[in-house]
Protein backbone atom coordinates (compact mmCIF):
# COMPACT_ATOMS: atom_id res chain seq x y z
CA MET A 1 -1.71 -45.56 10.59
CA ASP A 2 -1.78 -43.69 7.29
CA VAL A 3 -4.58 -41.20 6.55
CA PHE A 4 -5.43 -38.79 3.75
CA THR A 5 -6.35 -35.13 4.25
CA TRP A 6 -6.87 -32.30 1.80
CA GLY A 7 -7.54 -28.57 1.74
CA THR A 8 -5.86 -25.51 3.20
CA LEU A 9 -5.53 -23.92 6.65
CA GLY A 10 -9.02 -24.12 8.12
CA ASP A 11 -9.48 -27.61 6.73
CA SER A 12 -6.21 -28.74 8.29
CA TYR A 13 -7.21 -27.41 11.71
CA ILE A 14 -10.45 -29.40 11.72
CA GLN A 15 -8.64 -32.49 10.45
CA MET A 16 -6.01 -32.09 13.17
CA LEU A 17 -8.72 -32.05 15.85
CA LYS A 18 -10.03 -35.33 14.44
CA ILE A 19 -6.58 -36.92 14.21
CA ARG A 20 -6.07 -36.14 17.92
CA CYS A 21 -8.84 -38.67 18.61
CA ILE A 22 -7.03 -41.50 16.80
CA LYS A 23 -5.24 -43.75 19.29
CA ASP A 24 -2.47 -44.81 16.89
CA ASN A 25 0.46 -42.78 15.61
CA VAL A 26 -0.46 -41.23 12.29
CA ARG A 27 1.30 -40.46 9.04
CA VAL A 28 -0.67 -37.82 7.15
CA PHE A 29 -0.73 -37.63 3.37
CA HIS A 30 -2.04 -34.18 2.49
CA TYR A 31 -3.12 -32.59 -0.79
CA CYS A 32 -3.46 -28.81 -1.04
CA GLY A 33 -3.90 -28.42 -4.80
CA ASN A 34 -2.41 -25.21 -6.19
CA HIS A 35 -1.74 -23.80 -2.73
CA ASP A 36 1.75 -25.22 -2.16
CA TYR A 37 2.82 -21.91 -0.60
CA TRP A 38 0.89 -23.01 2.50
CA ARG A 39 2.63 -26.35 2.93
CA SER A 40 4.73 -25.20 5.87
CA ASP A 41 1.75 -23.71 7.73
CA ILE A 42 -0.42 -26.74 7.01
CA GLU A 43 2.25 -29.03 8.44
CA LYS A 44 2.57 -26.87 11.57
CA ILE A 45 -1.18 -27.10 12.11
CA LEU A 46 -1.37 -30.85 11.54
CA ARG A 47 1.54 -31.46 13.92
CA LEU A 48 -0.48 -29.90 16.75
CA ALA A 49 -1.86 -33.42 17.01
CA PRO A 50 0.81 -35.15 19.14
CA ASN A 51 0.27 -38.47 17.37
CA VAL A 52 1.19 -37.06 13.93
CA LYS A 53 4.64 -38.43 13.22
CA ASP A 54 5.01 -37.40 9.58
CA VAL A 55 3.30 -35.21 6.99
CA VAL A 56 3.74 -36.09 3.31
CA PHE A 57 2.37 -33.81 0.62
CA GLU A 58 1.00 -36.38 -1.75
CA ARG A 59 -2.51 -37.13 -3.01
CA ARG A 60 -3.56 -40.58 -1.74
CA TYR A 61 -7.22 -41.27 -2.40
CA ASP A 62 -6.64 -44.93 -1.53
CA LEU A 63 -6.21 -44.11 2.17
CA PRO A 64 -8.89 -43.48 4.84
CA GLU A 65 -9.93 -39.83 4.54
CA ILE A 66 -10.21 -37.43 7.46
CA THR A 67 -13.01 -35.11 6.37
CA THR A 68 -13.59 -31.40 6.98
CA ASP A 69 -17.21 -31.75 8.12
CA THR A 70 -17.33 -31.39 11.91
CA HIS A 71 -20.47 -33.55 12.06
CA GLU A 72 -18.54 -36.57 10.80
CA GLN A 73 -16.00 -38.71 12.66
CA GLU A 74 -14.88 -38.27 16.25
CA MET A 75 -13.40 -34.83 16.94
CA GLU A 76 -11.84 -33.01 19.88
CA PHE A 77 -13.78 -29.75 19.76
CA PHE A 78 -12.00 -28.11 22.70
CA PRO A 79 -8.31 -29.09 22.72
CA ASN A 80 -5.85 -27.84 25.33
CA LEU A 81 -3.42 -26.04 23.01
CA HIS A 82 -2.86 -22.85 25.02
CA THR A 83 0.58 -23.62 26.46
CA GLU A 84 1.91 -25.19 23.27
CA LEU A 85 0.83 -22.28 21.09
CA TRP A 86 2.11 -19.55 23.42
CA GLU A 87 5.58 -21.14 23.55
CA ALA A 88 6.07 -19.84 20.00
CA VAL A 89 5.00 -16.25 20.77
CA ASP A 90 7.71 -13.59 20.77
CA GLU A 91 8.59 -12.04 24.14
CA SER A 92 7.42 -8.64 22.91
CA LEU A 93 3.84 -9.94 22.78
CA ARG A 94 3.83 -11.97 25.99
CA TRP A 95 2.19 -9.10 27.89
CA LEU A 96 -1.04 -10.08 26.14
CA LEU A 97 -1.12 -13.25 28.25
CA SER A 98 -2.39 -11.20 31.20
CA ALA A 99 -4.40 -8.67 29.20
CA LYS A 100 -7.99 -8.49 28.07
CA TYR A 101 -8.17 -7.94 24.34
CA THR A 102 -10.27 -8.43 21.22
CA VAL A 103 -8.81 -9.97 18.08
CA PHE A 104 -10.11 -8.55 14.81
CA GLN A 105 -9.14 -10.71 11.85
CA CYS A 106 -9.17 -8.45 8.82
CA HIS A 107 -9.54 -11.11 6.14
CA SER A 108 -9.80 -14.82 5.50
CA GLY A 109 -9.42 -17.11 2.51
CA LYS A 110 -6.73 -17.78 -0.03
CA PRO A 111 -4.38 -14.97 -1.15
CA LYS A 112 -4.41 -16.25 -4.73
CA GLY A 113 -8.18 -16.51 -4.94
CA GLY A 114 -10.70 -18.95 -3.57
CA ASN A 115 -13.12 -18.19 -0.75
CA THR A 116 -11.47 -14.79 -0.28
CA LYS A 117 -13.16 -12.62 2.35
CA ASN A 118 -11.62 -9.16 2.86
CA ILE A 119 -13.45 -7.02 5.42
CA ASN A 120 -13.73 -3.40 4.31
CA PRO A 121 -10.96 -1.38 6.06
CA ASP A 122 -13.45 1.45 6.67
CA TYR A 123 -15.62 -0.91 8.72
CA ILE A 124 -12.61 -1.87 10.83
CA ARG A 125 -11.64 1.78 11.37
CA SER A 126 -15.21 2.56 12.40
CA TYR A 127 -15.25 -0.36 14.83
CA ILE A 128 -12.01 0.80 16.46
CA LYS A 129 -13.32 4.37 16.74
CA ASN A 130 -16.56 3.20 18.36
CA ASN A 131 -14.88 0.80 20.79
CA LYS A 132 -12.12 2.88 22.38
CA ASP A 133 -12.59 1.02 25.66
CA LYS A 134 -11.29 -2.21 24.09
CA ASN A 135 -7.74 -3.36 23.43
CA ILE A 136 -8.03 -4.42 19.80
CA VAL A 137 -5.43 -6.55 18.02
CA LEU A 138 -5.58 -6.70 14.23
CA LEU A 139 -4.43 -9.90 12.53
CA GLY A 140 -3.97 -10.87 8.90
CA THR A 141 -1.33 -10.92 6.17
CA ASN A 142 -2.44 -8.22 3.70
CA ARG A 143 -0.49 -5.14 4.79
CA GLU A 144 -1.22 -3.40 1.49
CA LEU A 145 -4.90 -3.29 2.39
CA TYR A 146 -4.77 -3.02 6.19
CA GLY A 147 -1.27 -1.86 7.10
CA ASP A 148 -2.19 1.81 7.57
CA ILE A 149 -4.95 1.22 10.14
CA THR A 150 -3.80 2.97 13.32
CA SER A 151 -5.00 3.66 16.88
CA THR A 152 -4.72 -0.03 17.73
CA LEU A 153 -2.18 -2.88 17.86
CA ASN A 154 -1.85 -3.64 14.15
CA LEU A 155 -0.07 -6.98 13.70
CA VAL A 156 -1.18 -7.53 10.10
CA GLY A 157 1.71 -9.15 8.27
CA ARG A 158 3.79 -9.34 11.47
CA THR A 159 2.98 -12.76 12.91
CA ASP A 160 3.46 -16.34 11.85
CA ILE A 161 0.55 -18.77 11.80
CA ILE A 162 1.18 -20.26 15.25
CA THR A 163 1.49 -16.83 16.89
CA ALA A 164 -1.76 -15.73 15.27
CA MET A 165 -3.47 -18.86 16.58
CA ALA A 166 -2.07 -18.27 20.08
CA LEU A 167 -3.32 -14.68 20.13
CA VAL A 168 -6.78 -15.77 19.03
CA GLY A 169 -6.93 -18.60 21.55
CA GLY A 170 -6.02 -16.22 24.38
CA ALA A 171 -8.44 -13.46 23.42
CA ASP A 172 -11.60 -12.44 25.26
CA GLU A 173 -13.42 -11.81 22.00
CA PHE A 174 -12.90 -12.62 18.32
CA ILE A 175 -14.27 -10.81 15.28
CA GLY A 176 -13.56 -12.07 11.80
CA ALA A 177 -14.55 -14.06 8.76
CA GLU A 178 -15.32 -17.78 8.73
CA GLY A 179 -12.09 -19.73 8.37
CA LEU A 180 -9.08 -20.97 10.32
CA LEU A 181 -8.90 -18.33 13.05
CA SER A 182 -12.63 -18.43 13.70
CA PHE A 183 -12.29 -22.19 14.26
CA VAL A 184 -9.36 -21.57 16.62
CA ALA A 185 -11.42 -19.02 18.56
CA LEU A 186 -14.45 -21.27 18.89
CA SER A 187 -12.32 -24.26 19.91
CA HIS A 188 -10.92 -22.12 22.76
CA ARG A 189 -14.41 -21.03 23.86
CA VAL A 190 -13.82 -17.43 22.75
CA LYS A 191 -17.05 -15.54 22.08
CA SER A 192 -16.93 -14.79 18.37
CA ASP A 193 -18.68 -12.68 15.76
CA VAL A 194 -18.17 -14.77 12.64
CA PHE A 195 -18.98 -13.17 9.29
CA TYR A 196 -19.70 -15.55 6.45
CA ILE A 197 -20.76 -15.67 2.81
CA SER A 198 -21.44 -19.39 2.38
CA GLN A 199 -24.29 -20.80 4.46
CA ASP A 200 -23.10 -24.29 3.55
CA ALA A 201 -19.65 -23.57 5.02
CA VAL A 202 -20.96 -22.62 8.47
CA GLU A 203 -23.47 -25.47 8.48
CA ARG A 204 -20.70 -27.98 7.79
CA ARG A 205 -18.33 -26.55 10.39
CA ILE A 206 -20.21 -24.64 13.12
CA VAL A 207 -24.00 -25.04 13.15
CA GLY A 208 -25.19 -27.97 15.24
CA THR A 209 -21.82 -28.50 16.95
CA PRO A 210 -20.48 -27.63 20.43
CA TRP A 211 -18.86 -24.58 18.81
CA GLU A 212 -22.17 -22.97 17.94
CA GLN A 213 -22.81 -21.72 21.49
CA TYR A 214 -19.78 -19.42 21.22
CA ALA A 215 -20.58 -18.14 17.71
CA ASN A 216 -22.64 -15.17 16.64
CA LEU A 217 -23.00 -16.02 12.95
CA ILE A 218 -23.49 -13.02 10.68
CA GLY A 219 -24.30 -13.67 7.04
CA VAL A 220 -23.15 -10.95 4.64
CA TYR A 221 -23.84 -11.60 0.96
CA HIS A 222 -21.01 -11.55 -1.57
CA GLY A 223 -21.78 -8.18 -3.20
CA ASN A 224 -22.20 -6.22 0.03
CA SER A 225 -19.84 -3.25 0.57
CA PHE A 226 -18.84 -4.88 3.88
CA TRP A 227 -16.40 -6.90 1.74
CA VAL A 228 -13.74 -5.53 -0.61
CA TRP A 229 -12.11 -7.49 -3.43
């Protein structure tokens, strides 16, 4: 069966959870616009559906579309991905498998603009200082902005996408912006503080779904100093 998907990382995760519900083998035609730098990560995410046999980066509006709205189409909200994800984690981080820890995702969105949500580094430092009883793991890719945050396990810029997903799925708590890793956390029943700017985004993905019971949704408007640009 051929299907069409579009979008970037968070979109692909939701689409993958829907594809897992299709009984046939699937060939995915995916369009990610100007974000070709994410093709490899998008393919890794889509292939977490065992019935995905091929991913082709081509725009095919003539095919049945797998949407990004979690209220549409059948979807596996709570997949069993733990073992598969952790197989990719480096030995140096395997100790986290038996540890209690909180994942703090420093930012979400596209590095070249588009739904960018960078949490103010000062807020993160303050959170770490006020929660010394917690093992906190920082995730993200922007080391220029977050690389100098200390007194915690700072893995910003030091993990691939699958490792980041594994760490989130195995956490006791998740804190971060609406996007891929928040969806991973919620789909693994991890209690999550999810910061968001777009009310529409959380209503399409989280509100009114089985994920909502694990989400503490915190709206922070675009111009608030909580975010940095």
